[in-house]
Amino acid sequence: MISEPSQVVIIAILSILAIVDITGNSLVCVVTTRNQDMRIPFNYLLVNLAVADMMVAIFFLPFHIFIHTFTHPDGVAGRVLCSLVTGGSFAWVGGACSAFTLVVIAIERYYAVNYPYGNKGKLTYSKLKVIIPASWIFALIMEMPGFLSSDYDGTLSICTLVFPEEWMGKAFSVVWFLVFGGLPIPLMAVLYSTVVYDLWFTRNQQHELSYQQQCIFVYFQGVLKIRKRVTLTAVTVSVIFSICWMTDAVIFLLSYHSTTSSPSDVTWAIAAVMILFNSAINPFVYALINERFREKIKRLIGYRWRSTNQIQGITGTPHINLATSSTQPTQITAE
């Protein structure tokens, strides 16, 4: 059982991470949708990932924080409230959607790097119209047993999963273990290993090429830096996701299959912090590694700050719309 001072600290950490998560991922969405040169298919996958991360934060708040601030009903009302809000089921939907999206990103990087001169495996807007809805449908289907099995435990004062049969809980834990790590992590590892090898170890020398191939090679050298930057971003986000969500998946698996002892409250709290940390850190990864995202975020924040100063009469300098300024970088979409 977690002591009251420790619980206050955990709630404070989760609250800060949730605020950072929602704020940072909102900036990612705004930056991508407001800037025409950022509206490329790959970035819309990052937007989908950002929305999933925000969903995790939004539904972690009632599950871990708000549930301590009111008297939770029991009975049918309590069961419905747990299924839809206080049980955190939609947070796991966001997590499953993130796993699906990251696998798609890994596949996109594989084709973009290994087949750069053609359209094989190229991510298009028409494909996005299928991929993004599919990611959410997949996530909802995976969490459906959680929706149907959520109930309020008055003794523990928390929403729990209550399955009619013991084997159902064990099967559910195995499914989530596979969703968050057992399947995506090996697949992403294989795809990214070939991508990293191809980018950093085999594309640094020009071999005997025809004139046309040399022209293509020169162009490709111009975008090679961009491909490395985007790939490094994707790999970093995927590694952080794998570590943070796999921890929770293993704990959840052990809670149903361990014959010795169940995970402690402290263990569950650490897992919750790691999950929210993963969702909150992604915008910082984009900003630190991806120069385009960093510049766009700085411009967006600068634009908001200048607009606020003008409204309040703090500054008398002419307003410059940074989004359409002539200093805006040239659009490059060959990623």
Protein backbone atom coordinates (compact mmCIF):
# COMPACT_ATOMS: atom_id res chain seq x y z
CA MET A 1 0.00 0.00 0.00
CA ILE A 2 1.39 3.43 -0.94
CA SER A 3 1.67 5.91 1.91
CA GLU A 4 -0.24 9.16 1.68
CA PRO A 5 2.86 11.39 1.17
CA SER A 6 4.11 9.08 -1.57
CA GLN A 7 0.69 9.10 -3.19
CA VAL A 8 0.71 12.91 -3.24
CA VAL A 9 4.12 12.87 -4.95
CA ILE A 10 2.95 10.34 -7.54
CA ILE A 11 -0.20 12.34 -8.26
CA ALA A 12 1.89 15.51 -8.66
CA ILE A 13 4.29 13.78 -11.08
CA LEU A 14 1.44 12.31 -13.12
CA SER A 15 -0.33 15.69 -13.23
CA ILE A 16 2.79 17.48 -14.50
CA LEU A 17 3.43 14.79 -17.12
CA ALA A 18 -0.21 14.94 -18.25
CA ILE A 19 -0.04 18.73 -18.69
CA VAL A 20 3.24 18.49 -20.59
CA ASP A 21 1.81 15.65 -22.68
CA ILE A 22 -1.34 17.54 -23.73
CA THR A 23 0.49 20.83 -24.32
CA GLY A 24 3.40 19.38 -26.28
CA ASN A 25 1.35 17.08 -28.48
CA SER A 26 -1.15 19.87 -29.16
CA LEU A 27 1.76 21.92 -30.49
CA VAL A 28 2.75 19.04 -32.76
CA CYS A 29 -0.78 18.92 -34.19
CA VAL A 30 -0.99 22.71 -34.65
CA VAL A 31 2.47 22.99 -36.23
CA THR A 32 1.71 20.23 -38.72
CA THR A 33 -1.74 21.45 -39.74
CA ARG A 34 -0.88 25.18 -39.90
CA ASN A 35 2.24 24.91 -42.06
CA GLN A 36 1.77 23.74 -45.62
CA ASP A 37 5.32 22.43 -45.94
CA MET A 38 4.71 20.19 -42.92
CA ARG A 39 1.58 18.58 -44.36
CA ILE A 40 3.25 15.48 -45.69
CA PRO A 41 1.95 11.93 -45.11
CA PHE A 42 4.71 10.99 -42.66
CA ASN A 43 3.95 13.97 -40.43
CA TYR A 44 0.27 13.02 -40.34
CA LEU A 45 1.35 9.72 -38.82
CA LEU A 46 3.08 11.78 -36.12
CA VAL A 47 -0.15 13.74 -35.65
CA ASN A 48 -2.03 10.46 -35.20
CA LEU A 49 0.59 9.42 -32.66
CA ALA A 50 0.23 12.77 -30.89
CA VAL A 51 -3.57 12.39 -30.66
CA ALA A 52 -3.11 8.89 -29.22
CA ASP A 53 -0.61 10.25 -26.66
CA MET A 54 -3.05 12.98 -25.62
CA MET A 55 -5.78 10.38 -25.18
CA VAL A 56 -3.50 8.50 -22.79
CA ALA A 57 -3.02 11.63 -20.68
CA ILE A 58 -6.66 12.69 -20.75
CA PHE A 59 -7.93 9.32 -19.49
CA PHE A 60 -5.06 8.80 -17.06
CA LEU A 61 -6.28 11.87 -15.16
CA PRO A 62 -9.61 10.37 -13.99
CA PHE A 63 -8.07 6.91 -13.52
CA HIS A 64 -5.15 7.98 -11.32
CA ILE A 65 -6.05 11.46 -10.03
CA PHE A 66 -9.68 12.54 -10.19
CA ILE A 67 -10.95 9.25 -8.77
CA HIS A 68 -9.50 10.33 -5.40
CA THR A 69 -11.47 13.58 -5.37
CA PHE A 70 -15.08 12.29 -5.36
CA THR A 71 -17.17 9.39 -4.14
CA HIS A 72 -17.33 6.90 -6.97
CA PRO A 73 -20.75 5.26 -7.43
CA ASP A 74 -21.09 1.49 -7.44
CA GLY A 75 -23.57 -0.79 -9.11
CA VAL A 76 -24.53 -0.26 -12.74
CA ALA A 77 -23.61 3.45 -12.66
CA GLY A 78 -20.18 2.65 -11.27
CA ARG A 79 -19.63 -0.05 -13.89
CA VAL A 80 -20.54 2.31 -16.74
CA LEU A 81 -18.38 5.11 -15.31
CA CYS A 82 -15.43 2.75 -14.97
CA SER A 83 -15.86 1.46 -18.52
CA LEU A 84 -16.01 4.89 -20.12
CA VAL A 85 -14.07 7.28 -17.86
CA THR A 86 -12.51 6.35 -14.54
CA GLY A 87 -11.28 2.90 -15.57
CA GLY A 88 -8.79 4.31 -18.05
CA SER A 89 -9.93 2.03 -20.88
CA PHE A 90 -9.57 4.77 -23.47
CA ALA A 91 -5.99 5.35 -22.30
CA TRP A 92 -5.18 1.78 -23.40
CA VAL A 93 -6.95 2.49 -26.68
CA GLY A 94 -4.50 5.35 -27.18
CA GLY A 95 -1.60 3.06 -26.32
CA ALA A 96 -2.69 0.38 -28.79
CA CYS A 97 -3.17 3.02 -31.48
CA SER A 98 0.36 4.27 -30.78
CA ALA A 99 1.77 0.75 -31.18
CA PHE A 100 -0.06 0.32 -34.49
CA THR A 101 1.10 3.74 -35.74
CA LEU A 102 4.73 3.12 -34.80
CA VAL A 103 4.75 -0.15 -36.75
CA VAL A 104 3.34 1.69 -39.78
CA ILE A 105 6.06 4.35 -39.36
CA ALA A 106 8.72 1.63 -39.27
CA ILE A 107 7.33 0.09 -42.46
CA GLU A 108 7.20 3.54 -44.11
CA ARG A 109 10.84 4.20 -43.18
CA TYR A 110 11.86 0.80 -44.54
CA TYR A 111 10.38 1.47 -47.97
CA ALA A 112 11.40 5.16 -48.04
CA VAL A 113 15.04 4.30 -47.40
CA ASN A 114 15.46 0.97 -49.19
CA TYR A 115 13.40 1.94 -52.26
CA PRO A 116 14.03 5.70 -52.56
CA TYR A 117 13.79 6.00 -56.35
CA GLY A 118 10.33 4.54 -56.96
CA ASN A 119 6.85 4.47 -55.54
CA LYS A 120 7.08 1.02 -53.96
CA GLY A 121 5.58 1.19 -50.49
CA LYS A 122 5.28 4.98 -50.71
CA LEU A 123 2.99 6.51 -48.11
CA THR A 124 0.20 8.50 -49.77
CA TYR A 125 -2.81 10.45 -48.58
CA SER A 126 -5.14 7.78 -49.92
CA LYS A 127 -3.31 5.17 -47.84
CA LEU A 128 -3.52 7.43 -44.78
CA LYS A 129 -7.31 7.48 -45.13
CA VAL A 130 -7.20 3.74 -44.51
CA ILE A 131 -4.28 3.50 -42.08
CA ILE A 132 -5.39 6.10 -39.54
CA PRO A 133 -8.99 4.82 -39.11
CA ALA A 134 -7.63 1.25 -39.08
CA SER A 135 -5.29 2.14 -36.19
CA TRP A 136 -8.21 3.31 -34.05
CA ILE A 137 -10.49 0.43 -35.03
CA PHE A 138 -7.69 -2.00 -34.14
CA ALA A 139 -7.17 -0.29 -30.77
CA LEU A 140 -10.89 -0.31 -29.91
CA ILE A 141 -11.19 -4.01 -30.77
CA MET A 142 -8.17 -4.87 -28.63
CA GLU A 143 -9.60 -3.01 -25.63
CA MET A 144 -13.18 -4.25 -26.01
CA PRO A 145 -12.80 -6.92 -23.28
CA GLY A 146 -11.54 -4.17 -20.99
CA PHE A 147 -14.61 -2.05 -21.65
CA LEU A 148 -16.93 -4.99 -20.95
CA SER A 149 -15.09 -6.18 -17.82
CA SER A 150 -14.47 -2.91 -15.97
CA ASP A 151 -16.15 -2.59 -12.59
CA TYR A 152 -15.71 -0.56 -9.42
CA ASP A 153 -14.16 -2.22 -6.38
CA GLY A 154 -15.42 -0.39 -3.31
CA THR A 155 -12.90 -2.12 -1.06
CA LEU A 156 -9.90 -0.92 -3.07
CA SER A 157 -11.66 2.31 -4.17
CA ILE A 158 -10.55 1.78 -7.74
CA CYS A 159 -11.82 0.44 -11.05
CA THR A 160 -10.67 -3.10 -11.77
CA LEU A 161 -11.14 -5.77 -14.43
CA VAL A 162 -13.55 -8.52 -13.43
CA PHE A 163 -13.65 -11.46 -15.86
CA PRO A 164 -16.28 -14.23 -15.66
CA GLU A 165 -13.58 -16.88 -16.02
CA GLU A 166 -9.96 -16.84 -14.86
CA TRP A 167 -8.64 -17.90 -18.24
CA MET A 168 -10.19 -14.80 -19.83
CA GLY A 169 -8.02 -12.49 -17.73
CA LYS A 170 -4.92 -14.53 -18.54
CA ALA A 171 -5.73 -14.47 -22.25
CA PHE A 172 -6.37 -10.71 -22.13
CA SER A 173 -3.00 -10.10 -20.48
CA VAL A 174 -1.24 -12.19 -23.14
CA VAL A 175 -2.97 -10.26 -25.93
CA TRP A 176 -1.84 -6.92 -24.48
CA PHE A 177 1.68 -8.24 -24.02
CA LEU A 178 1.75 -9.10 -27.72
CA VAL A 179 0.19 -5.75 -28.73
CA PHE A 180 2.68 -3.63 -26.78
CA GLY A 181 5.85 -5.61 -27.25
CA GLY A 182 5.69 -9.24 -28.26
CA LEU A 183 4.88 -8.43 -31.89
CA PRO A 184 5.77 -4.77 -32.65
CA ILE A 185 9.18 -4.67 -30.97
CA PRO A 186 10.77 -7.55 -32.96
CA LEU A 187 9.17 -6.28 -36.17
CA MET A 188 10.41 -2.72 -35.64
CA ALA A 189 13.85 -4.03 -34.65
CA VAL A 190 14.20 -5.95 -37.92
CA LEU A 191 12.93 -3.06 -40.07
CA TYR A 192 15.03 -0.38 -38.40
CA SER A 193 18.18 -2.50 -38.39
CA THR A 194 18.07 -2.67 -42.19
CA VAL A 195 17.19 1.02 -42.44
CA VAL A 196 20.02 2.13 -40.15
CA TYR A 197 22.51 -0.09 -41.95
CA ASP A 198 21.40 1.21 -45.33
CA LEU A 199 21.48 4.89 -44.28
CA TRP A 200 24.64 5.03 -42.21
CA PHE A 201 26.82 2.30 -43.70
CA THR A 202 26.05 1.68 -47.39
CA ARG A 203 25.07 5.02 -48.91
CA ASN A 204 28.25 6.96 -48.31
CA GLN A 205 30.16 5.97 -51.45
CA GLN A 206 29.33 6.50 -55.11
CA HIS A 207 29.84 3.39 -57.22
CA GLU A 208 29.96 3.00 -60.99
CA LEU A 209 26.72 4.67 -62.07
CA SER A 210 25.30 5.90 -65.35
CA TYR A 211 24.86 9.63 -65.92
CA GLN A 212 21.18 9.43 -65.04
CA GLN A 213 21.97 7.41 -61.93
CA GLN A 214 24.62 9.95 -60.95
CA CYS A 215 22.04 12.72 -61.16
CA ILE A 216 19.76 10.72 -58.94
CA PHE A 217 22.67 10.04 -56.60
CA VAL A 218 23.45 13.76 -56.28
CA TYR A 219 19.80 14.50 -55.50
CA PHE A 220 19.68 11.69 -53.00
CA GLN A 221 22.79 12.99 -51.22
CA GLY A 222 20.88 16.25 -50.80
CA VAL A 223 18.01 14.54 -49.00
CA LEU A 224 20.10 11.90 -47.22
CA LYS A 225 20.51 14.18 -44.22
CA ILE A 226 16.74 14.61 -44.04
CA ARG A 227 16.17 10.87 -44.23
CA LYS A 228 18.65 10.28 -41.41
CA ARG A 229 16.99 12.94 -39.26
CA VAL A 230 13.49 11.57 -39.79
CA THR A 231 14.64 7.98 -39.26
CA LEU A 232 16.51 8.88 -36.08
CA THR A 233 13.35 10.54 -34.79
CA ALA A 234 11.26 7.46 -35.56
CA VAL A 235 13.80 5.07 -34.01
CA THR A 236 14.08 7.16 -30.83
CA VAL A 237 10.32 7.39 -30.37
CA SER A 238 9.95 3.66 -30.99
CA VAL A 239 12.66 2.72 -28.48
CA ILE A 240 11.17 4.92 -25.76
CA PHE A 241 7.70 3.50 -26.46
CA SER A 242 9.00 -0.08 -26.31
CA ILE A 243 10.73 0.43 -22.96
CA CYS A 244 7.88 2.32 -21.28
CA TRP A 245 4.88 0.32 -22.50
CA MET A 246 6.62 -3.05 -22.37
CA THR A 247 7.21 -2.47 -18.66
CA ASP A 248 3.48 -2.10 -18.05
CA ALA A 249 2.67 -5.04 -20.34
CA VAL A 250 5.03 -7.32 -18.40
CA ILE A 251 3.60 -6.20 -15.05
CA PHE A 252 0.06 -6.73 -16.33
CA LEU A 253 1.02 -10.19 -17.61
CA LEU A 254 2.60 -11.16 -14.28
CA SER A 255 -0.45 -9.95 -12.35
CA TYR A 256 -2.46 -12.76 -13.96
CA HIS A 257 0.18 -15.46 -14.39
CA SER A 258 2.46 -15.13 -11.36
CA THR A 259 1.86 -17.83 -8.75
CA THR A 260 4.00 -16.21 -6.04
CA SER A 261 2.96 -12.59 -5.54
CA SER A 262 1.07 -9.86 -7.37
CA PRO A 263 2.78 -6.62 -8.42
CA SER A 264 2.77 -4.04 -5.64
CA ASP A 265 1.05 -0.65 -5.77
CA VAL A 266 4.48 0.98 -6.11
CA THR A 267 5.21 -1.17 -9.17
CA TRP A 268 1.92 -0.13 -10.79
CA ALA A 269 2.65 3.53 -9.98
CA ILE A 270 6.09 3.31 -11.62
CA ALA A 271 4.50 1.75 -14.71
CA ALA A 272 1.94 4.58 -14.88
CA VAL A 273 4.68 7.21 -14.64
CA MET A 274 6.66 5.51 -17.41
CA ILE A 275 3.62 5.41 -19.71
CA LEU A 276 2.86 9.11 -19.25
CA PHE A 277 6.55 9.93 -19.59
CA ASN A 278 6.56 8.20 -22.97
CA SER A 279 3.58 10.22 -24.18
CA ALA A 280 4.98 13.49 -22.85
CA ILE A 281 8.52 13.09 -24.19
CA ASN A 282 7.67 12.59 -27.87
CA PRO A 283 7.27 16.32 -28.74
CA PHE A 284 10.67 16.99 -27.17
CA VAL A 285 12.19 14.24 -29.30
CA TYR A 286 10.74 15.87 -32.42
CA ALA A 287 12.09 19.27 -31.36
CA LEU A 288 15.57 18.05 -30.41
CA ILE A 289 16.21 15.82 -33.43
CA ASN A 290 14.02 17.30 -36.14
CA GLU A 291 15.19 20.81 -36.99
CA ARG A 292 12.06 21.57 -39.02
CA PHE A 293 9.76 20.78 -36.11
CA ARG A 294 11.95 22.78 -33.76
CA GLU A 295 11.89 25.87 -35.94
CA LYS A 296 8.14 25.64 -36.53
CA ILE A 297 7.43 25.30 -32.81
CA LYS A 298 9.69 28.27 -32.03
CA ARG A 299 7.89 30.33 -34.65
CA LEU A 300 4.48 29.29 -33.32
CA ILE A 301 5.40 30.17 -29.75
CA GLY A 302 6.99 33.43 -30.91
CA TYR A 303 3.87 34.29 -32.91
CA ARG A 304 1.63 33.68 -29.90
CA TRP A 305 3.88 35.72 -27.63
CA ARG A 306 4.00 38.69 -30.01
CA SER A 307 0.24 38.57 -30.55
CA THR A 308 -0.36 38.61 -26.80
CA ASN A 309 1.98 41.55 -26.34
CA GLN A 310 0.21 43.51 -29.06
CA ILE A 311 -3.21 42.89 -27.54
CA GLN A 312 -1.98 43.99 -24.12
CA GLY A 313 -0.19 47.02 -25.58
CA ILE A 314 3.18 45.91 -24.28
CA THR A 315 4.95 46.34 -27.55
CA GLY A 316 4.50 48.83 -30.31
CA THR A 317 6.51 47.02 -32.94
CA PRO A 318 4.77 46.11 -36.19
CA HIS A 319 3.32 42.63 -36.30
CA ILE A 320 5.08 40.14 -38.54
CA ASN A 321 3.27 36.98 -39.50
CA LEU A 322 6.06 34.47 -39.06
CA ALA A 323 4.07 31.76 -40.76
CA THR A 324 4.28 33.64 -44.07
CA SER A 325 7.55 35.47 -43.57
CA SER A 326 10.06 35.39 -46.41
CA THR A 327 12.51 33.73 -44.04
CA GLN A 328 10.46 30.55 -44.10
CA PRO A 329 12.60 27.57 -45.21
CA THR A 330 12.11 26.14 -48.65
CA GLN A 331 9.68 23.24 -48.73
CA ILE A 332 11.39 19.87 -48.86
CA THR A 333 9.18 16.82 -48.86
CA ALA A 334 11.61 14.12 -49.90
CA GLU A 335 11.77 12.32 -46.60
